[in-house]
Amino acid sequence: MSEETKLQTFQVQGQPPLDAAPALYSNFMAVSRVGTEVQFEFIFLDLNQIAKTLIELKTTPNESPTVQGKTVAKVVMPAASFVQIKEQLATMFEALEAILPKVPETENERRNSSAR
């Protein structure tokens, strides 16, 4: 794989919910599950910080560097409510995948951070 198409995995950390100030934009979303609750965490990542980390990785390789983001919002909902939108989400994903360019995936790129 050439250097331009190399995929890098980052560990993303948002702010504690009580410290996070409202923001207008989120460019990263984490989804997790504990028991019968599903949580969506919307995080803003500073692209300058990511660029700096990518430059540092050229001299000091790191399998999964950590990037600190600003938590925009956390939404927790009961799993019973979440499963009700399964068909709508599947339809939305199909439509988006049809119009977005194909991105190569690496093994284990899609991870499940949910506790089981």
N, C-alpha and C. Protein backbone atom coordinates (compact mmCIF):
# COMPACT_ATOMS: atom_id res chain seq x y z
N MET A 1 0.85 -1.17 0.00
CA MET A 1 0.00 0.00 0.00
C MET A 1 0.89 1.24 0.00
N SER A 2 0.63 2.18 -0.87
CA SER A 2 1.46 3.37 -0.93
C SER A 2 1.22 4.25 0.30
N GLU A 3 2.14 5.19 0.53
CA GLU A 3 2.03 6.05 1.71
C GLU A 3 0.76 6.91 1.65
N GLU A 4 0.32 7.27 0.47
CA GLU A 4 -0.86 8.12 0.33
C GLU A 4 -2.15 7.38 0.68
N THR A 5 -2.18 6.06 0.54
CA THR A 5 -3.41 5.32 0.80
C THR A 5 -3.35 4.52 2.09
N LYS A 6 -2.31 4.71 2.89
CA LYS A 6 -2.18 3.99 4.15
C LYS A 6 -3.28 4.44 5.12
N LEU A 7 -3.91 3.47 5.76
CA LEU A 7 -4.95 3.78 6.74
C LEU A 7 -4.33 3.78 8.12
N GLN A 8 -4.72 4.75 8.95
CA GLN A 8 -4.21 4.86 10.32
C GLN A 8 -5.39 4.83 11.27
N THR A 9 -5.30 4.02 12.30
CA THR A 9 -6.34 3.94 13.32
C THR A 9 -5.95 4.83 14.48
N PHE A 10 -6.89 5.64 14.98
CA PHE A 10 -6.67 6.51 16.13
C PHE A 10 -7.57 6.09 17.27
N GLN A 11 -7.11 6.29 18.49
CA GLN A 11 -7.97 6.18 19.66
C GLN A 11 -8.50 7.59 19.89
N VAL A 12 -9.82 7.75 19.94
CA VAL A 12 -10.43 9.06 20.10
C VAL A 12 -11.06 9.16 21.48
N GLN A 13 -10.73 10.23 22.18
CA GLN A 13 -11.28 10.47 23.50
C GLN A 13 -12.03 11.79 23.50
N GLY A 14 -13.26 11.77 23.99
CA GLY A 14 -14.03 12.99 24.16
C GLY A 14 -13.84 13.52 25.56
N GLN A 15 -14.44 14.65 25.84
CA GLN A 15 -14.35 15.25 27.17
C GLN A 15 -15.36 14.60 28.10
N PRO A 16 -15.11 14.68 29.40
CA PRO A 16 -16.14 14.24 30.34
C PRO A 16 -17.41 15.05 30.09
N PRO A 17 -18.59 14.44 30.20
CA PRO A 17 -19.82 15.14 29.83
C PRO A 17 -20.08 16.43 30.59
N LEU A 18 -19.63 16.54 31.82
CA LEU A 18 -19.89 17.77 32.57
C LEU A 18 -18.94 18.90 32.19
N ASP A 19 -17.82 18.58 31.52
CA ASP A 19 -16.86 19.60 31.11
C ASP A 19 -17.07 20.09 29.68
N ALA A 20 -17.87 19.36 28.92
CA ALA A 20 -18.02 19.68 27.50
C ALA A 20 -18.99 20.84 27.30
N ALA A 21 -18.51 21.85 26.58
CA ALA A 21 -19.36 22.99 26.24
C ALA A 21 -20.06 22.71 24.92
N PRO A 22 -21.24 23.27 24.71
CA PRO A 22 -21.93 23.05 23.44
C PRO A 22 -21.10 23.55 22.27
N ALA A 23 -21.07 22.80 21.21
CA ALA A 23 -20.36 23.19 19.99
C ALA A 23 -21.33 23.11 18.82
N LEU A 24 -20.92 23.62 17.68
CA LEU A 24 -21.81 23.65 16.52
C LEU A 24 -21.57 22.50 15.55
N TYR A 25 -20.47 21.77 15.69
CA TYR A 25 -20.11 20.82 14.66
C TYR A 25 -19.44 19.60 15.27
N SER A 26 -19.73 18.43 14.73
CA SER A 26 -19.11 17.18 15.15
C SER A 26 -18.62 16.47 13.90
N ASN A 27 -17.39 15.93 13.92
CA ASN A 27 -16.88 15.20 12.77
C ASN A 27 -16.48 13.77 13.11
N PHE A 28 -16.91 13.30 14.28
CA PHE A 28 -16.64 11.92 14.69
C PHE A 28 -17.78 11.47 15.59
N MET A 29 -18.19 10.20 15.46
CA MET A 29 -19.24 9.68 16.33
C MET A 29 -18.84 8.30 16.83
N ALA A 30 -19.00 8.10 18.13
CA ALA A 30 -18.76 6.80 18.74
C ALA A 30 -20.10 6.24 19.19
N VAL A 31 -20.27 4.93 19.02
CA VAL A 31 -21.49 4.26 19.46
C VAL A 31 -21.09 3.15 20.40
N SER A 32 -21.77 3.06 21.54
CA SER A 32 -21.48 1.99 22.49
C SER A 32 -22.77 1.51 23.12
N ARG A 33 -22.68 0.33 23.74
CA ARG A 33 -23.84 -0.27 24.38
C ARG A 33 -23.41 -0.89 25.69
N VAL A 34 -24.22 -0.67 26.71
CA VAL A 34 -24.04 -1.34 28.00
C VAL A 34 -25.41 -1.85 28.40
N GLY A 35 -25.53 -3.16 28.53
CA GLY A 35 -26.81 -3.75 28.89
C GLY A 35 -27.88 -3.38 27.89
N THR A 36 -28.92 -2.71 28.33
CA THR A 36 -30.02 -2.35 27.45
C THR A 36 -30.04 -0.86 27.10
N GLU A 37 -28.88 -0.21 27.20
CA GLU A 37 -28.76 1.21 26.84
C GLU A 37 -27.77 1.37 25.69
N VAL A 38 -28.09 2.24 24.75
CA VAL A 38 -27.21 2.56 23.63
C VAL A 38 -26.82 4.02 23.75
N GLN A 39 -25.53 4.30 23.55
CA GLN A 39 -25.04 5.69 23.66
C GLN A 39 -24.37 6.12 22.37
N PHE A 40 -24.71 7.32 21.91
CA PHE A 40 -24.03 7.97 20.79
C PHE A 40 -23.26 9.14 21.38
N GLU A 41 -21.96 9.23 21.05
CA GLU A 41 -21.16 10.36 21.50
C GLU A 41 -20.63 11.07 20.27
N PHE A 42 -20.97 12.34 20.14
CA PHE A 42 -20.54 13.15 19.01
C PHE A 42 -19.35 13.99 19.46
N ILE A 43 -18.24 13.88 18.71
CA ILE A 43 -16.98 14.50 19.11
C ILE A 43 -16.44 15.35 17.96
N PHE A 44 -15.94 16.53 18.30
CA PHE A 44 -15.25 17.37 17.32
C PHE A 44 -13.76 17.11 17.44
N LEU A 45 -13.13 16.73 16.34
CA LEU A 45 -11.67 16.51 16.29
C LEU A 45 -11.03 17.65 15.54
N ASP A 46 -10.00 18.23 16.13
CA ASP A 46 -9.24 19.31 15.50
C ASP A 46 -8.36 18.70 14.41
N LEU A 47 -8.60 19.08 13.17
CA LEU A 47 -7.84 18.50 12.06
C LEU A 47 -6.36 18.85 12.13
N ASN A 48 -6.01 20.00 12.73
CA ASN A 48 -4.60 20.34 12.90
C ASN A 48 -3.91 19.35 13.83
N GLN A 49 -4.62 18.94 14.89
CA GLN A 49 -4.06 17.95 15.81
C GLN A 49 -3.84 16.61 15.11
N ILE A 50 -4.78 16.21 14.28
CA ILE A 50 -4.64 14.96 13.54
C ILE A 50 -3.48 15.05 12.56
N ALA A 51 -3.35 16.18 11.85
CA ALA A 51 -2.25 16.37 10.91
C ALA A 51 -0.91 16.31 11.63
N LYS A 52 -0.81 16.96 12.79
CA LYS A 52 0.43 16.94 13.57
C LYS A 52 0.77 15.51 14.00
N THR A 53 -0.23 14.76 14.42
CA THR A 53 -0.01 13.37 14.83
C THR A 53 0.45 12.53 13.66
N LEU A 54 -0.13 12.74 12.48
CA LEU A 54 0.29 11.98 11.30
C LEU A 54 1.75 12.27 10.94
N ILE A 55 2.17 13.53 11.09
CA ILE A 55 3.58 13.88 10.83
C ILE A 55 4.49 13.19 11.84
N GLU A 56 4.09 13.21 13.12
CA GLU A 56 4.89 12.55 14.17
C GLU A 56 4.98 11.04 13.94
N LEU A 57 3.94 10.44 13.37
CA LEU A 57 3.94 8.99 13.13
C LEU A 57 4.99 8.56 12.11
N LYS A 58 5.41 9.50 11.26
CA LYS A 58 6.43 9.18 10.27
C LYS A 58 7.77 8.89 10.94
N THR A 59 8.04 9.54 12.07
CA THR A 59 9.31 9.33 12.77
C THR A 59 9.17 8.39 13.96
N THR A 60 7.99 8.34 14.56
CA THR A 60 7.76 7.47 15.72
C THR A 60 6.47 6.68 15.48
N PRO A 61 6.57 5.52 14.84
CA PRO A 61 5.36 4.74 14.55
C PRO A 61 4.62 4.36 15.84
N ASN A 62 3.30 4.40 15.76
CA ASN A 62 2.43 4.03 16.87
C ASN A 62 1.22 3.33 16.27
N GLU A 63 0.91 2.15 16.73
CA GLU A 63 -0.18 1.36 16.17
C GLU A 63 -1.52 2.10 16.23
N SER A 64 -1.79 2.76 17.34
CA SER A 64 -3.08 3.43 17.51
C SER A 64 -2.94 4.65 18.42
N PRO A 65 -2.48 5.78 17.88
CA PRO A 65 -2.29 6.98 18.71
C PRO A 65 -3.62 7.51 19.24
N THR A 66 -3.56 8.21 20.35
CA THR A 66 -4.75 8.79 20.97
C THR A 66 -4.89 10.25 20.56
N VAL A 67 -6.09 10.64 20.18
CA VAL A 67 -6.39 12.01 19.80
C VAL A 67 -7.51 12.49 20.72
N GLN A 68 -7.28 13.61 21.39
CA GLN A 68 -8.27 14.18 22.30
C GLN A 68 -9.22 15.08 21.52
N GLY A 69 -10.51 14.81 21.61
CA GLY A 69 -11.51 15.63 20.92
C GLY A 69 -12.38 16.36 21.91
N LYS A 70 -13.25 17.20 21.41
CA LYS A 70 -14.19 17.96 22.24
C LYS A 70 -15.57 17.32 22.08
N THR A 71 -16.11 16.80 23.17
CA THR A 71 -17.43 16.18 23.13
C THR A 71 -18.49 17.25 22.85
N VAL A 72 -19.28 17.03 21.81
CA VAL A 72 -20.33 17.95 21.43
C VAL A 72 -21.63 17.56 22.12
N ALA A 73 -21.94 16.26 22.10
CA ALA A 73 -23.18 15.80 22.72
C ALA A 73 -23.08 14.30 22.96
N LYS A 74 -23.81 13.85 23.98
CA LYS A 74 -23.98 12.42 24.23
C LYS A 74 -25.48 12.16 24.27
N VAL A 75 -25.89 11.12 23.57
CA VAL A 75 -27.30 10.75 23.55
C VAL A 75 -27.38 9.30 24.00
N VAL A 76 -28.16 9.06 25.06
CA VAL A 76 -28.36 7.70 25.56
C VAL A 76 -29.83 7.36 25.35
N MET A 77 -30.05 6.17 24.79
CA MET A 77 -31.44 5.75 24.58
C MET A 77 -31.61 4.28 24.90
N PRO A 78 -32.81 3.88 25.30
CA PRO A 78 -33.05 2.47 25.59
C PRO A 78 -32.91 1.64 24.31
N ALA A 79 -32.36 0.44 24.45
CA ALA A 79 -32.17 -0.44 23.30
C ALA A 79 -33.50 -0.73 22.61
N ALA A 80 -34.58 -0.83 23.37
CA ALA A 80 -35.89 -1.10 22.78
C ALA A 80 -36.29 0.01 21.79
N SER A 81 -35.92 1.25 22.08
CA SER A 81 -36.20 2.35 21.15
C SER A 81 -35.23 2.32 19.98
N PHE A 82 -33.98 1.99 20.24
CA PHE A 82 -32.96 1.98 19.19
C PHE A 82 -33.28 0.94 18.11
N VAL A 83 -33.71 -0.25 18.49
CA VAL A 83 -33.98 -1.29 17.49
C VAL A 83 -35.17 -0.93 16.60
N GLN A 84 -36.00 0.00 17.03
CA GLN A 84 -37.14 0.40 16.21
C GLN A 84 -36.72 1.16 14.96
N ILE A 85 -35.52 1.71 14.95
CA ILE A 85 -35.06 2.47 13.78
C ILE A 85 -34.14 1.66 12.88
N LYS A 86 -34.08 0.34 13.11
CA LYS A 86 -33.18 -0.52 12.33
C LYS A 86 -33.43 -0.41 10.83
N GLU A 87 -34.69 -0.52 10.40
CA GLU A 87 -34.99 -0.48 8.97
C GLU A 87 -34.66 0.88 8.36
N GLN A 88 -34.97 1.96 9.08
CA GLN A 88 -34.67 3.29 8.57
C GLN A 88 -33.16 3.48 8.42
N LEU A 89 -32.38 3.03 9.41
CA LEU A 89 -30.92 3.15 9.33
C LEU A 89 -30.36 2.31 8.18
N ALA A 90 -30.88 1.09 8.00
CA ALA A 90 -30.40 0.23 6.91
C ALA A 90 -30.67 0.90 5.57
N THR A 91 -31.84 1.49 5.40
CA THR A 91 -32.18 2.19 4.16
C THR A 91 -31.26 3.38 3.95
N MET A 92 -30.97 4.12 5.03
CA MET A 92 -30.09 5.28 4.94
C MET A 92 -28.67 4.86 4.58
N PHE A 93 -28.16 3.78 5.20
CA PHE A 93 -26.82 3.30 4.89
C PHE A 93 -26.72 2.86 3.43
N GLU A 94 -27.72 2.15 2.94
CA GLU A 94 -27.70 1.71 1.54
C GLU A 94 -27.64 2.91 0.59
N ALA A 95 -28.45 3.93 0.87
CA ALA A 95 -28.47 5.12 0.02
C ALA A 95 -27.14 5.86 0.06
N LEU A 96 -26.56 5.99 1.26
CA LEU A 96 -25.27 6.69 1.39
C LEU A 96 -24.14 5.91 0.73
N GLU A 97 -24.13 4.60 0.91
CA GLU A 97 -23.07 3.78 0.29
C GLU A 97 -23.14 3.84 -1.23
N ALA A 98 -24.32 4.03 -1.76
CA ALA A 98 -24.47 4.11 -3.21
C ALA A 98 -23.90 5.40 -3.78
N ILE A 99 -23.89 6.48 -2.99
CA ILE A 99 -23.41 7.76 -3.52
C ILE A 99 -22.01 8.13 -3.06
N LEU A 100 -21.51 7.48 -2.02
CA LEU A 100 -20.16 7.80 -1.53
C LEU A 100 -19.12 6.96 -2.24
N PRO A 101 -17.91 7.51 -2.42
CA PRO A 101 -16.85 6.72 -3.05
C PRO A 101 -16.46 5.55 -2.15
N LYS A 102 -16.05 4.47 -2.79
CA LYS A 102 -15.64 3.29 -2.04
C LYS A 102 -14.29 3.54 -1.38
N VAL A 103 -14.18 3.22 -0.09
CA VAL A 103 -12.95 3.38 0.66
C VAL A 103 -12.46 2.00 1.05
N PRO A 104 -11.20 1.67 0.78
CA PRO A 104 -10.72 0.33 1.15
C PRO A 104 -10.71 0.17 2.66
N GLU A 105 -11.12 -1.00 3.11
CA GLU A 105 -11.13 -1.29 4.55
C GLU A 105 -10.01 -2.25 4.86
N THR A 106 -9.51 -2.15 6.08
CA THR A 106 -8.52 -3.10 6.53
C THR A 106 -9.16 -4.03 7.54
N GLU A 107 -8.54 -5.15 7.76
CA GLU A 107 -9.07 -6.12 8.71
C GLU A 107 -9.20 -5.46 10.08
N ASN A 108 -10.31 -5.69 10.74
CA ASN A 108 -10.60 -5.17 12.07
C ASN A 108 -10.82 -3.66 12.10
N GLU A 109 -11.00 -3.03 10.97
CA GLU A 109 -11.19 -1.57 11.00
C GLU A 109 -12.52 -1.21 11.65
N ARG A 110 -13.55 -1.96 11.35
CA ARG A 110 -14.84 -1.70 12.00
C ARG A 110 -14.82 -2.45 13.32
N ARG A 111 -14.81 -1.69 14.38
CA ARG A 111 -14.72 -2.29 15.71
C ARG A 111 -15.99 -2.04 16.47
N ASN A 112 -16.28 -2.95 17.35
CA ASN A 112 -17.45 -2.81 18.21
C ASN A 112 -16.95 -2.48 19.60
N SER A 113 -17.19 -1.26 20.05
CA SER A 113 -16.73 -0.85 21.36
C SER A 113 -17.76 -1.17 22.43
N SER A 114 -18.83 -1.83 22.04
CA SER A 114 -19.90 -2.12 22.97
C SER A 114 -19.48 -3.17 23.98
N ALA A 115 -19.90 -2.96 25.21
CA ALA A 115 -19.74 -4.00 26.23
C ALA A 115 -20.86 -5.01 26.03
N ARG A 116 -20.55 -6.25 26.17
CA ARG A 116 -21.59 -7.27 25.99
C ARG A 116 -21.89 -7.96 27.27
